[in-house]
Amino acid sequence: MQTEKIINPPSGFTAFALFLILLVLGAIFFSFEQAFFAVAFLVAAFIFVLPGLIVINPNESKVLTLFGQYTGTVKKDGFFWVNPFTAKKKVSLRAFNLNGQQLKVNDSIGNPIEIAAVIVWQIKDTASAVFAVENYIQYVNIQSEAAVRHLANSFPYDNLEDETATITLRGGAEQVSLLLEKELNERLARAGIEVLEARISHLAYAPEIAHSMLQVQQASAIIAARRLIVEGAVGMVEMALNKLSEKNIVEFDEERKAAMVSNLLVVLCGDRSVSPVVNTGTLYH
């Protein structure tokens, strides 16, 4: 695989001055009817000097090849002169932003999901980008899609169905992004491309199961909330019974204690306001 070779060609201002001198000399010899020398100077100016002038803008480069051989890359911005017979290909060194399309894939447990990623990439090795792959932009698009699909197949959407999962697509955003960035760098290294950032931009269940999974999520949230309420209520009931016993406010036998626990749990765990009932008798009548 071809590796990048940085070259620093001579200034183009000197070559441009030489071009002007050759033009003047050609005009002078034409005026003296010396056609041979006039044509020679003009040919030298337009064939050997002018085609070699190049302008490199900031964050751009020119990859040079001479008769099929790679001669080097000019990365320094400015005005330069190179061999006029070299082929010059402009390669941008700016950061590119790829907003990937939404892909429909299955996660690690088989649920169909929709996923998309935003990827920021930049060319680091111009020779590899030009010579190692046919079209480096198309190469980035295809490899990015493959990497996102592989990532989605490697982890579950969440841990509702796989409670042992340590990384999920929804809950482990930072870890998932780092793994995606690492895989993209490995895939795109052949083309001399470095991934600066990779983020999941869209993540959702596929429409055909979205409603069912939403119900599962809601049920899980309700169960978790109820578990927390029950744990808190049991603690409050225990505290109430202990306080009443410590201060000898009332003595409870097992039946009275069971009735009080039942009433307190109904009050504390109910999702609606309760209506108290005043008992003017006893529990036994």
Protein backbone atom coordinates (compact mmCIF):
# COMPACT_ATOMS: atom_id res chain seq x y z
CA MET A 1 0.00 0.00 0.00
CA GLN A 2 1.31 3.43 -0.97
CA THR A 3 2.37 5.64 1.94
CA GLU A 4 2.22 9.40 1.97
CA LYS A 5 5.35 11.39 1.12
CA ILE A 6 5.30 15.12 1.89
CA ILE A 7 7.21 17.37 -0.50
CA ASN A 8 7.93 21.10 -0.37
CA PRO A 9 8.26 22.40 -3.95
CA PRO A 10 9.93 25.73 -4.83
CA SER A 11 8.02 28.99 -4.69
CA GLY A 12 5.71 29.70 -7.58
CA PHE A 13 6.53 33.41 -7.61
CA THR A 14 10.01 32.75 -8.99
CA ALA A 15 8.57 30.48 -11.68
CA PHE A 16 5.91 33.06 -12.52
CA ALA A 17 8.60 35.73 -12.88
CA LEU A 18 10.47 33.39 -15.22
CA PHE A 19 7.23 32.91 -17.19
CA LEU A 20 6.91 36.68 -17.67
CA ILE A 21 10.56 36.96 -18.71
CA LEU A 22 10.08 34.23 -21.32
CA LEU A 23 7.02 36.03 -22.66
CA VAL A 24 8.94 39.29 -22.98
CA LEU A 25 11.85 37.55 -24.69
CA GLY A 26 9.48 35.84 -27.09
CA ALA A 27 7.85 39.16 -27.95
CA ILE A 28 11.27 40.77 -28.48
CA PHE A 29 12.47 38.05 -30.84
CA PHE A 30 9.20 38.27 -32.77
CA SER A 31 9.80 41.98 -33.21
CA PHE A 32 13.26 41.20 -34.63
CA GLU A 33 11.72 38.51 -36.86
CA GLN A 34 13.61 35.75 -35.11
CA ALA A 35 10.74 33.28 -35.24
CA PHE A 36 12.69 30.23 -34.11
CA PHE A 37 13.85 31.79 -30.85
CA ALA A 38 10.49 33.49 -30.28
CA VAL A 39 8.64 30.19 -30.61
CA ALA A 40 11.22 28.46 -28.40
CA PHE A 41 10.75 31.00 -25.60
CA LEU A 42 6.96 30.88 -25.86
CA VAL A 43 6.91 27.08 -25.85
CA ALA A 44 9.13 27.08 -22.77
CA ALA A 45 6.82 29.58 -21.07
CA PHE A 46 3.49 27.85 -21.83
CA ILE A 47 4.57 24.20 -21.72
CA PHE A 48 7.40 24.00 -19.20
CA VAL A 49 6.67 26.83 -16.76
CA LEU A 50 2.97 27.77 -16.66
CA PRO A 51 1.49 24.22 -16.24
CA GLY A 52 3.69 23.66 -13.20
CA LEU A 53 2.22 26.53 -11.19
CA ILE A 54 -0.15 25.38 -8.44
CA VAL A 55 -2.07 27.09 -5.64
CA ILE A 56 -2.68 25.22 -2.38
CA ASN A 57 -5.48 26.62 -0.22
CA PRO A 58 -5.59 26.14 3.56
CA ASN A 59 -6.64 22.58 4.55
CA GLU A 60 -6.14 21.33 1.01
CA SER A 61 -3.45 19.27 -0.67
CA LYS A 62 -2.30 18.15 -4.10
CA VAL A 63 -1.30 14.55 -4.81
CA LEU A 64 1.27 14.43 -7.62
CA THR A 65 1.94 11.55 -9.99
CA LEU A 66 4.47 11.49 -12.83
CA PHE A 67 3.93 8.94 -15.61
CA GLY A 68 2.04 6.64 -13.26
CA GLN A 69 4.47 7.01 -10.35
CA TYR A 70 3.50 8.71 -7.09
CA THR A 71 5.98 11.55 -6.49
CA GLY A 72 4.57 13.14 -3.34
CA THR A 73 1.91 15.30 -1.73
CA VAL A 74 1.99 19.05 -1.25
CA LYS A 75 0.18 19.98 1.98
CA LYS A 76 1.66 23.40 2.74
CA ASP A 77 -0.65 26.17 1.58
CA GLY A 78 0.75 28.76 -0.83
CA PHE A 79 1.89 29.31 -4.43
CA PHE A 80 4.35 26.71 -5.79
CA TRP A 81 5.91 25.30 -8.94
CA VAL A 82 6.15 21.58 -9.60
CA ASN A 83 7.13 19.41 -12.52
CA PRO A 84 4.72 20.52 -15.31
CA PHE A 85 4.23 16.94 -16.50
CA THR A 86 2.87 15.69 -13.16
CA ALA A 87 -0.82 14.92 -12.74
CA LYS A 88 -2.27 16.88 -9.86
CA LYS A 89 -5.23 15.67 -7.82
CA LYS A 90 -6.76 17.93 -5.18
CA VAL A 91 -7.58 16.26 -1.87
CA SER A 92 -9.36 18.16 0.88
CA LEU A 93 -7.96 17.91 4.41
CA ARG A 94 -11.04 19.47 5.99
CA ALA A 95 -13.29 17.52 8.35
CA PHE A 96 -16.26 15.85 6.67
CA ASN A 97 -19.61 15.30 8.36
CA LEU A 98 -21.53 12.14 7.47
CA ASN A 99 -25.16 12.04 8.57
CA GLY A 100 -25.94 8.37 8.07
CA GLN A 101 -29.33 7.18 6.95
CA GLN A 102 -31.67 5.33 9.30
CA LEU A 103 -31.03 1.60 9.17
CA LYS A 104 -33.47 -1.11 10.18
CA VAL A 105 -31.55 -3.92 11.89
CA ASN A 106 -31.95 -6.47 14.68
CA ASP A 107 -30.28 -5.96 18.05
CA SER A 108 -28.39 -8.77 19.81
CA ILE A 109 -31.60 -10.44 21.05
CA GLY A 110 -33.45 -10.15 17.73
CA ASN A 111 -35.64 -7.07 18.26
CA PRO A 112 -35.98 -4.96 15.11
CA ILE A 113 -34.73 -1.42 15.72
CA GLU A 114 -33.99 1.74 13.77
CA ILE A 115 -30.53 3.25 14.16
CA ALA A 116 -28.48 6.02 12.55
CA ALA A 117 -25.15 7.67 13.32
CA VAL A 118 -23.36 10.97 12.72
CA ILE A 119 -19.68 10.57 11.87
CA VAL A 120 -16.98 13.25 11.61
CA TRP A 121 -13.95 12.12 9.60
CA GLN A 122 -10.82 13.54 8.06
CA ILE A 123 -8.13 12.40 5.61
CA LYS A 124 -4.77 11.85 7.27
CA ASP A 125 -2.91 9.93 4.55
CA THR A 126 -3.62 11.38 1.11
CA ALA A 127 -1.74 8.66 -0.76
CA SER A 128 -3.82 5.90 0.81
CA ALA A 129 -7.04 7.84 0.20
CA VAL A 130 -6.25 8.26 -3.51
CA PHE A 131 -4.51 4.98 -4.37
CA ALA A 132 -5.74 2.37 -1.85
CA VAL A 133 -9.48 2.66 -2.61
CA GLU A 134 -11.49 3.50 -5.70
CA ASN A 135 -13.56 6.31 -4.18
CA TYR A 136 -12.76 7.24 -0.59
CA ILE A 137 -16.06 9.08 0.01
CA GLN A 138 -18.10 6.09 -1.13
CA TYR A 139 -15.78 3.84 0.88
CA VAL A 140 -16.53 5.84 4.04
CA ASN A 141 -20.29 5.65 3.42
CA ILE A 142 -20.33 1.88 2.91
CA GLN A 143 -17.96 1.04 5.78
CA SER A 144 -19.84 3.36 8.15
CA GLU A 145 -23.12 1.60 7.40
CA ALA A 146 -21.48 -1.78 7.95
CA ALA A 147 -20.00 -0.63 11.28
CA VAL A 148 -23.34 0.70 12.54
CA ARG A 149 -25.08 -2.55 11.59
CA HIS A 150 -22.42 -4.59 13.39
CA LEU A 151 -22.72 -2.39 16.47
CA ALA A 152 -26.51 -2.78 16.56
CA ASN A 153 -26.18 -6.57 16.27
CA SER A 154 -23.70 -6.68 19.15
CA PHE A 155 -25.80 -5.15 21.94
CA PRO A 156 -29.45 -5.20 23.08
CA TYR A 157 -31.58 -2.09 22.77
CA ASP A 158 -32.07 -2.08 26.56
CA ASN A 159 -31.97 -4.57 29.42
CA LEU A 160 -35.72 -5.21 29.71
CA GLU A 161 -35.31 -8.64 28.14
CA ASP A 162 -31.62 -9.15 28.92
CA GLU A 163 -31.01 -8.07 32.51
CA THR A 164 -27.44 -9.38 32.39
CA ALA A 165 -26.42 -6.92 29.68
CA THR A 166 -23.75 -4.51 30.92
CA ILE A 167 -23.87 -2.30 27.80
CA THR A 168 -27.07 -1.38 25.97
CA LEU A 169 -27.62 0.82 22.94
CA ARG A 170 -30.01 3.09 24.84
CA GLY A 171 -28.28 3.22 28.22
CA GLY A 172 -24.60 3.08 27.25
CA ALA A 173 -24.41 5.99 24.82
CA GLU A 174 -20.84 7.00 25.69
CA GLN A 175 -19.47 3.45 25.59
CA VAL A 176 -21.35 2.65 22.38
CA SER A 177 -20.00 5.81 20.73
CA LEU A 178 -16.42 4.94 21.71
CA LEU A 179 -16.81 1.39 20.37
CA LEU A 180 -18.28 2.70 17.11
CA GLU A 181 -15.43 5.21 16.73
CA LYS A 182 -12.84 2.49 17.36
CA GLU A 183 -14.37 0.10 14.82
CA LEU A 184 -14.66 2.85 12.19
CA ASN A 185 -10.99 3.78 12.62
CA GLU A 186 -10.04 0.15 12.10
CA ARG A 187 -12.21 -0.17 9.01
CA LEU A 188 -11.13 3.15 7.43
CA ALA A 189 -7.40 2.91 8.19
CA ARG A 190 -6.85 1.31 4.76
CA ALA A 191 -8.03 4.53 3.11
CA GLY A 192 -5.90 6.78 5.32
CA ILE A 193 -8.96 8.19 7.07
CA GLU A 194 -9.27 9.08 10.74
CA VAL A 195 -12.64 9.24 12.50
CA LEU A 196 -12.74 12.24 14.84
CA GLU A 197 -16.15 11.54 16.37
CA ALA A 198 -18.99 9.07 16.00
CA ARG A 199 -22.36 9.40 17.72
CA ILE A 200 -25.69 7.60 17.54
CA SER A 201 -28.12 10.22 16.19
CA HIS A 202 -31.29 8.11 16.04
CA LEU A 203 -32.32 5.04 18.04
CA ALA A 204 -35.80 3.59 18.31
CA TYR A 205 -37.72 0.34 18.12
CA ALA A 206 -39.07 -0.48 14.67
CA PRO A 207 -42.71 0.65 14.19
CA GLU A 208 -44.11 -2.89 14.22
CA ILE A 209 -43.00 -3.52 17.82
CA ALA A 210 -42.74 0.04 19.15
CA HIS A 211 -46.20 0.00 20.79
CA SER A 212 -45.65 -3.39 22.45
CA MET A 213 -42.23 -2.42 23.77
CA LEU A 214 -43.65 0.85 25.08
CA GLN A 215 -46.17 -1.13 27.09
CA VAL A 216 -43.37 -3.32 28.44
CA GLN A 217 -41.40 -0.24 29.47
CA GLN A 218 -44.46 1.27 31.15
CA ALA A 219 -45.17 -1.97 33.01
CA SER A 220 -41.56 -2.17 34.18
CA ALA A 221 -41.70 1.43 35.39
CA ILE A 222 -44.94 0.77 37.29
CA ILE A 223 -43.51 -2.36 38.90
CA ALA A 224 -40.35 -0.53 39.95
CA ALA A 225 -42.39 2.33 41.41
CA ARG A 226 -44.68 -0.06 43.28
CA ARG A 227 -41.70 -1.95 44.67
CA LEU A 228 -40.26 1.30 46.01
CA ILE A 229 -43.62 2.33 47.51
CA VAL A 230 -44.09 -1.04 49.23
CA GLU A 231 -40.57 -0.99 50.66
CA GLY A 232 -41.15 2.50 52.04
CA ALA A 233 -44.59 1.63 53.43
CA VAL A 234 -43.32 -1.46 55.24
CA GLY A 235 -40.60 0.65 56.85
CA MET A 236 -43.11 3.28 57.94
CA VAL A 237 -45.47 0.67 59.40
CA GLU A 238 -42.62 -0.92 61.32
CA MET A 239 -41.55 2.46 62.66
CA ALA A 240 -45.14 3.32 63.69
CA LEU A 241 -45.61 0.06 65.59
CA ASN A 242 -42.28 0.43 67.35
CA LYS A 243 -43.05 4.00 68.42
CA LEU A 244 -46.47 3.08 69.75
CA SER A 245 -45.02 0.19 71.72
CA GLU A 246 -42.11 2.22 73.11
CA LYS A 247 -44.36 4.99 74.42
CA ASN A 248 -47.03 2.57 75.71
CA ILE A 249 -49.72 4.47 73.89
CA VAL A 250 -51.67 1.34 73.15
CA GLU A 251 -51.14 -2.36 73.57
CA PHE A 252 -51.63 -4.58 70.54
CA ASP A 253 -52.45 -8.21 70.42
CA GLU A 254 -51.70 -10.06 67.20
CA GLU A 255 -55.14 -9.45 65.72
CA ARG A 256 -55.08 -5.71 66.41
CA LYS A 257 -51.54 -5.47 65.10
CA ALA A 258 -52.56 -7.26 61.90
CA ALA A 259 -55.54 -4.94 61.44
CA MET A 260 -53.40 -1.84 61.91
CA VAL A 261 -50.74 -3.08 59.52
CA SER A 262 -53.43 -3.79 56.94
CA ASN A 263 -54.97 -0.33 57.32
CA LEU A 264 -51.60 1.47 57.15
CA LEU A 265 -50.53 -0.44 54.05
CA VAL A 266 -53.81 0.40 52.32
CA VAL A 267 -53.31 4.08 53.11
CA LEU A 268 -49.65 4.22 52.18
CA CYS A 269 -49.71 2.00 49.08
CA GLY A 270 -53.00 3.12 47.58
CA ASP A 271 -52.92 5.31 44.47
CA ARG A 272 -56.08 7.18 45.53
CA SER A 273 -57.11 9.17 48.57
CA VAL A 274 -58.65 7.02 51.29
CA SER A 275 -61.84 7.72 53.22
CA PRO A 276 -61.39 7.00 56.92
CA VAL A 277 -64.06 4.95 58.72
CA VAL A 278 -64.51 5.62 62.45
CA ASN A 279 -65.08 2.42 64.39
CA THR A 280 -67.08 3.15 67.57
CA GLY A 281 -67.07 -0.44 68.67
CA THR A 282 -64.32 -2.97 68.92
CA LEU A 283 -62.70 -5.37 66.57
CA TYR A 284 -64.55 -8.23 68.24
CA HIS A 285 -68.11 -6.86 67.88
